N, C-alpha and C. Protein backbone atom coordinates (compact mmCIF):
# COMPACT_ATOMS: atom_id res chain seq x y z
N MET A 1 0.83 -1.16 0.07
CA MET A 1 0.01 0.08 -0.01
C MET A 1 0.91 1.22 0.01
N MET A 2 1.89 1.25 0.69
CA MET A 2 2.78 2.42 0.89
C MET A 2 3.55 2.79 -0.50
N ALA A 3 3.47 1.81 -1.42
CA ALA A 3 4.16 2.07 -2.68
C ALA A 3 3.39 3.13 -3.57
N LEU A 4 2.19 3.30 -3.25
CA LEU A 4 1.21 4.30 -4.01
C LEU A 4 1.81 5.68 -3.56
N PRO A 5 1.79 6.55 -4.40
CA PRO A 5 2.38 7.90 -4.22
C PRO A 5 1.50 8.66 -3.20
N GLN A 6 2.33 9.27 -2.15
CA GLN A 6 1.71 10.04 -1.22
C GLN A 6 0.89 9.31 -0.07
N THR A 7 1.02 8.07 -0.08
CA THR A 7 0.47 7.21 0.95
C THR A 7 1.09 7.36 2.24
N GLU A 8 0.28 7.50 3.43
CA GLU A 8 0.83 7.49 4.74
C GLU A 8 -0.06 6.47 5.52
N GLU A 9 0.58 5.97 6.47
CA GLU A 9 -0.19 5.04 7.34
C GLU A 9 -0.39 5.73 8.68
N ARG A 10 -1.61 5.78 9.17
CA ARG A 10 -1.97 6.33 10.49
C ARG A 10 -3.04 5.44 11.29
N ASP A 11 -2.97 5.64 12.64
CA ASP A 11 -3.96 4.91 13.39
C ASP A 11 -5.35 5.47 13.04
N HIS A 12 -6.24 4.55 13.10
CA HIS A 12 -7.66 5.07 12.93
C HIS A 12 -8.57 4.00 13.95
N PHE A 13 -8.89 4.63 15.12
CA PHE A 13 -9.50 3.76 16.15
C PHE A 13 -8.85 2.50 16.47
N GLY A 14 -7.57 2.52 16.55
CA GLY A 14 -6.81 1.11 16.85
C GLY A 14 -6.43 0.31 15.75
N SER A 15 -6.73 0.70 14.64
CA SER A 15 -6.48 -0.03 13.31
C SER A 15 -5.58 0.82 12.39
N PRO A 16 -4.69 0.12 11.61
CA PRO A 16 -3.92 0.90 10.71
C PRO A 16 -4.67 1.25 9.55
N SER A 17 -4.60 2.65 9.18
CA SER A 17 -5.35 3.04 8.00
C SER A 17 -4.40 3.64 7.08
N TYR A 18 -4.65 3.68 5.72
CA TYR A 18 -3.75 4.10 4.70
C TYR A 18 -4.47 5.37 3.99
N ARG A 19 -3.83 6.40 3.91
CA ARG A 19 -4.39 7.70 3.55
C ARG A 19 -3.61 8.34 2.32
N VAL A 20 -4.34 9.08 1.54
CA VAL A 20 -3.61 9.91 0.45
C VAL A 20 -4.37 11.29 0.57
N ASN A 21 -3.60 12.38 0.72
CA ASN A 21 -4.11 13.54 0.79
C ASN A 21 -4.92 13.74 2.23
N GLY A 22 -4.51 12.91 3.24
CA GLY A 22 -5.22 13.06 4.49
C GLY A 22 -6.46 12.17 4.53
N LYS A 23 -7.00 11.58 3.43
CA LYS A 23 -8.15 10.84 3.34
C LYS A 23 -8.10 9.39 3.31
N ILE A 24 -8.81 8.63 4.05
CA ILE A 24 -8.67 7.14 4.15
C ILE A 24 -8.98 6.49 2.82
N PHE A 25 -8.26 5.57 2.25
CA PHE A 25 -8.66 4.76 1.17
C PHE A 25 -8.58 3.28 1.56
N ALA A 26 -8.01 2.96 2.60
CA ALA A 26 -7.93 1.54 2.96
C ALA A 26 -7.70 1.54 4.54
N GLN A 27 -8.16 0.31 5.17
CA GLN A 27 -7.94 0.20 6.62
C GLN A 27 -7.94 -1.30 6.92
N LEU A 28 -7.06 -1.74 7.76
CA LEU A 28 -6.90 -3.10 8.13
C LEU A 28 -7.64 -3.45 9.41
N SER A 29 -8.16 -4.56 9.57
CA SER A 29 -8.90 -4.97 10.90
C SER A 29 -7.89 -5.14 11.90
N ALA A 30 -8.19 -4.61 13.19
CA ALA A 30 -7.30 -4.76 14.26
C ALA A 30 -7.79 -5.90 15.19
N SER A 31 -9.03 -6.46 14.84
CA SER A 31 -9.70 -7.43 15.75
C SER A 31 -9.18 -8.77 15.59
N GLN A 32 -8.62 -9.39 16.64
CA GLN A 32 -7.95 -10.73 16.66
C GLN A 32 -8.99 -11.74 16.77
N LYS A 33 -10.27 -11.44 17.15
CA LYS A 33 -11.40 -12.35 17.37
C LYS A 33 -11.91 -12.78 15.95
N LYS A 34 -12.08 -11.89 15.02
CA LYS A 34 -12.74 -12.17 13.74
C LYS A 34 -11.57 -12.47 12.64
N GLU A 35 -12.13 -12.98 11.40
CA GLU A 35 -11.16 -13.15 10.43
C GLU A 35 -10.54 -11.77 10.07
N GLN A 36 -9.37 -11.90 9.57
CA GLN A 36 -8.62 -10.62 9.20
C GLN A 36 -9.19 -10.20 7.94
N ARG A 37 -9.50 -8.78 7.93
CA ARG A 37 -10.09 -8.22 6.77
C ARG A 37 -9.65 -6.71 6.60
N ALA A 38 -9.83 -6.24 5.38
CA ALA A 38 -9.62 -4.95 5.01
C ALA A 38 -10.82 -4.15 4.76
N LEU A 39 -10.89 -2.83 4.76
CA LEU A 39 -11.82 -2.03 4.39
C LEU A 39 -11.36 -1.12 3.30
N VAL A 40 -12.12 -0.99 2.16
CA VAL A 40 -11.55 -0.08 1.05
C VAL A 40 -12.78 0.72 0.49
N LYS A 41 -12.32 1.78 -0.10
CA LYS A 41 -13.37 2.65 -0.78
C LYS A 41 -13.43 2.45 -2.23
N LEU A 42 -14.44 1.91 -2.78
CA LEU A 42 -14.64 1.57 -4.22
C LEU A 42 -15.70 2.49 -4.92
N SER A 43 -15.79 2.48 -6.18
CA SER A 43 -16.88 3.01 -6.96
C SER A 43 -18.09 2.23 -6.70
N SER A 44 -19.19 2.56 -6.92
CA SER A 44 -20.41 1.79 -6.76
C SER A 44 -20.34 0.74 -7.76
N ALA A 45 -19.89 0.91 -8.94
CA ALA A 45 -19.81 -0.18 -10.05
C ALA A 45 -18.84 -1.16 -9.54
N ASP A 46 -17.69 -0.81 -9.05
CA ASP A 46 -16.75 -1.88 -8.68
C ASP A 46 -17.26 -2.66 -7.46
N GLN A 47 -17.79 -1.91 -6.54
CA GLN A 47 -18.35 -2.68 -5.38
C GLN A 47 -19.42 -3.66 -5.78
N ALA A 48 -20.30 -3.28 -6.74
CA ALA A 48 -21.35 -4.16 -7.11
C ALA A 48 -20.77 -5.40 -7.74
N ALA A 49 -19.87 -5.11 -8.79
CA ALA A 49 -19.29 -6.21 -9.48
C ALA A 49 -18.49 -7.32 -8.61
N LEU A 50 -17.79 -6.67 -7.73
CA LEU A 50 -16.97 -7.61 -6.88
C LEU A 50 -17.87 -8.28 -5.82
N THR A 51 -18.81 -7.66 -5.17
CA THR A 51 -19.78 -8.40 -4.33
C THR A 51 -20.54 -9.42 -5.07
N LEU A 52 -21.00 -9.25 -6.18
CA LEU A 52 -21.58 -10.35 -6.92
C LEU A 52 -20.78 -11.39 -7.50
N SER A 53 -19.66 -11.15 -7.87
CA SER A 53 -18.88 -12.12 -8.46
C SER A 53 -17.89 -12.83 -7.35
N HIS A 54 -17.77 -12.32 -6.17
CA HIS A 54 -17.03 -13.04 -5.16
C HIS A 54 -17.70 -12.64 -3.82
N PRO A 55 -18.84 -13.16 -3.48
CA PRO A 55 -19.66 -12.83 -2.28
C PRO A 55 -19.00 -13.29 -1.02
N ASP A 56 -18.14 -14.27 -1.12
CA ASP A 56 -17.31 -14.81 0.17
C ASP A 56 -16.13 -14.00 0.38
N THR A 57 -15.70 -13.14 -0.51
CA THR A 57 -14.55 -12.18 -0.28
C THR A 57 -14.91 -10.74 -0.03
N PHE A 58 -15.84 -10.20 -0.83
CA PHE A 58 -16.28 -8.86 -0.84
C PHE A 58 -17.72 -8.72 -0.18
N SER A 59 -17.94 -7.74 0.64
CA SER A 59 -19.27 -7.37 1.12
C SER A 59 -19.28 -5.86 1.54
N PRO A 60 -20.36 -5.12 1.25
CA PRO A 60 -20.50 -3.82 1.52
C PRO A 60 -20.32 -3.67 3.14
N ALA A 61 -19.78 -2.66 3.57
CA ALA A 61 -19.74 -2.44 4.96
C ALA A 61 -21.06 -1.76 5.37
N PRO A 62 -21.52 -2.21 6.67
CA PRO A 62 -22.86 -1.76 7.05
C PRO A 62 -22.76 -0.18 7.13
N HIS A 63 -23.80 0.53 6.85
CA HIS A 63 -24.06 1.79 6.79
C HIS A 63 -23.23 2.59 5.81
N TRP A 64 -22.01 2.37 5.81
CA TRP A 64 -21.01 3.16 4.84
C TRP A 64 -20.89 2.45 3.59
N GLY A 65 -21.38 1.20 3.38
CA GLY A 65 -21.39 0.52 2.10
C GLY A 65 -22.03 1.28 0.97
N ARG A 66 -23.11 2.01 1.25
CA ARG A 66 -23.76 2.85 0.28
C ARG A 66 -22.90 3.99 -0.30
N HIS A 67 -21.90 4.24 0.40
CA HIS A 67 -20.83 5.11 -0.21
C HIS A 67 -19.60 4.45 -0.83
N GLY A 68 -19.67 3.19 -0.92
CA GLY A 68 -18.58 2.45 -1.65
C GLY A 68 -17.59 1.78 -0.71
N TRP A 69 -17.77 1.89 0.69
CA TRP A 69 -16.92 1.25 1.69
C TRP A 69 -17.17 -0.33 1.51
N THR A 70 -16.28 -1.19 1.30
CA THR A 70 -16.30 -2.60 1.09
C THR A 70 -15.25 -3.35 1.90
N TYR A 71 -15.86 -4.39 2.55
CA TYR A 71 -14.93 -5.34 3.27
C TYR A 71 -14.32 -6.33 2.38
N ILE A 72 -13.09 -6.74 2.73
CA ILE A 72 -12.41 -7.76 1.93
C ILE A 72 -11.96 -8.68 3.01
N GLU A 73 -12.35 -10.10 2.79
CA GLU A 73 -11.82 -11.05 3.63
C GLU A 73 -10.49 -11.49 3.11
N LEU A 74 -9.53 -11.32 3.88
CA LEU A 74 -8.03 -11.29 3.43
C LEU A 74 -7.68 -12.92 3.16
N ALA A 75 -8.21 -13.78 3.80
CA ALA A 75 -7.98 -15.14 3.68
C ALA A 75 -8.41 -15.74 2.31
N SER A 76 -9.40 -14.98 1.71
CA SER A 76 -9.84 -15.51 0.52
C SER A 76 -9.58 -14.78 -0.75
N ILE A 77 -8.52 -13.98 -0.77
CA ILE A 77 -8.45 -13.08 -1.85
C ILE A 77 -6.85 -13.40 -2.42
N GLN A 78 -6.73 -13.45 -3.78
CA GLN A 78 -5.44 -13.57 -4.36
C GLN A 78 -4.76 -12.20 -4.26
N LYS A 79 -3.41 -12.40 -4.03
CA LYS A 79 -2.61 -11.14 -4.02
C LYS A 79 -2.83 -10.08 -5.12
N SER A 80 -2.72 -10.57 -6.30
CA SER A 80 -2.95 -9.74 -7.57
C SER A 80 -4.26 -8.96 -7.39
N ILE A 81 -5.27 -9.56 -7.08
CA ILE A 81 -6.66 -9.09 -7.02
C ILE A 81 -6.65 -8.00 -5.98
N PHE A 82 -6.06 -8.40 -4.77
CA PHE A 82 -5.94 -7.30 -3.57
C PHE A 82 -5.18 -6.05 -4.14
N GLU A 83 -4.15 -6.36 -4.72
CA GLU A 83 -3.42 -5.08 -5.27
C GLU A 83 -4.16 -4.20 -6.18
N ASP A 84 -4.97 -4.99 -7.15
CA ASP A 84 -5.87 -4.12 -8.06
C ASP A 84 -6.93 -3.45 -7.32
N VAL A 85 -7.47 -4.07 -6.36
CA VAL A 85 -8.43 -3.40 -5.60
C VAL A 85 -7.92 -2.25 -4.68
N LEU A 86 -6.82 -2.37 -4.14
CA LEU A 86 -6.17 -1.29 -3.42
C LEU A 86 -5.93 -0.16 -4.41
N PHE A 87 -5.29 -0.34 -5.61
CA PHE A 87 -5.09 0.75 -6.43
C PHE A 87 -6.34 1.37 -6.82
N SER A 88 -7.44 0.50 -7.09
CA SER A 88 -8.78 1.28 -7.36
C SER A 88 -9.12 2.10 -6.24
N SER A 89 -9.04 1.66 -4.95
CA SER A 89 -9.34 2.48 -3.84
C SER A 89 -8.57 3.74 -3.73
N TRP A 90 -7.35 3.73 -3.87
CA TRP A 90 -6.38 4.73 -3.85
C TRP A 90 -6.83 5.73 -4.83
N ARG A 91 -7.15 5.32 -5.94
CA ARG A 91 -7.53 6.16 -7.25
C ARG A 91 -8.80 6.83 -6.94
N GLN A 92 -9.66 6.25 -6.20
CA GLN A 92 -10.97 6.89 -5.74
C GLN A 92 -10.74 8.14 -4.88
N ILE A 93 -9.73 8.11 -4.04
CA ILE A 93 -9.48 9.06 -3.04
C ILE A 93 -8.32 10.09 -3.39
N ALA A 94 -7.35 9.70 -4.18
CA ALA A 94 -6.20 10.50 -4.56
C ALA A 94 -6.65 11.62 -5.48
N PRO A 95 -6.06 12.84 -5.29
CA PRO A 95 -6.33 13.98 -6.20
C PRO A 95 -6.02 13.46 -7.68
N LYS A 96 -6.97 13.99 -8.55
CA LYS A 96 -6.91 13.48 -9.90
C LYS A 96 -5.70 13.90 -10.73
N ARG A 97 -4.95 14.99 -10.28
CA ARG A 97 -3.58 15.35 -10.94
C ARG A 97 -2.49 14.28 -10.37
N LEU A 98 -2.64 13.93 -9.15
CA LEU A 98 -1.61 12.90 -8.59
C LEU A 98 -1.85 11.60 -9.35
N VAL A 99 -3.08 11.20 -9.62
CA VAL A 99 -3.49 10.02 -10.33
C VAL A 99 -2.86 10.01 -11.82
N ALA A 100 -3.14 11.06 -12.23
CA ALA A 100 -2.80 11.29 -13.78
C ALA A 100 -1.14 11.26 -13.89
N SER A 101 -0.43 11.92 -12.98
CA SER A 101 0.93 11.96 -12.84
C SER A 101 1.36 10.43 -12.65
N TYR A 102 0.85 9.73 -11.68
CA TYR A 102 1.23 8.39 -11.47
C TYR A 102 1.11 7.48 -12.77
N LEU A 103 -0.03 7.80 -13.30
CA LEU A 103 -0.18 6.77 -14.65
C LEU A 103 0.54 7.34 -15.91
N GLY A 104 1.23 8.53 -15.69
CA GLY A 104 1.94 9.09 -16.89
C GLY A 104 1.04 9.83 -17.86
N LEU A 105 -0.21 10.14 -17.41
CA LEU A 105 -1.26 10.88 -18.39
C LEU A 105 -1.06 12.25 -18.21
N GLU A 106 -0.32 12.91 -17.23
CA GLU A 106 -0.29 14.32 -17.14
C GLU A 106 0.34 14.87 -18.47
N LYS A 107 -0.21 15.98 -18.96
CA LYS A 107 0.30 16.52 -20.17
C LYS A 107 1.52 17.46 -19.91
N SER A 108 2.50 17.37 -20.66
CA SER A 108 3.71 18.20 -20.39
C SER A 108 3.32 19.69 -20.89
N ARG A 109 4.00 20.51 -20.14
CA ARG A 109 3.48 22.04 -20.57
C ARG A 109 4.65 22.63 -21.22
């Protein structure tokens, strides 16, 4: 997660959260009683597609799910898919200019 530009890790209610521009795009579960999971911010379309295609891995977060916040059960996700989902989440939150620069889409002046 930290490889994404301007990402910083900070505590959020006892769990590690990952932020860009001061805004959370991912959080890891701190609970030792439950399965380990992550929470990410996705577009409505991505959330719908992932929860329909992988219901054992992805689920909308209670209350915040309507805003794209989605749980990921870490034990059941492939590393490459997790990395893709994290990038999508970072891209949802990161400033558009930062995303364009990272993707090499920024026009030279």
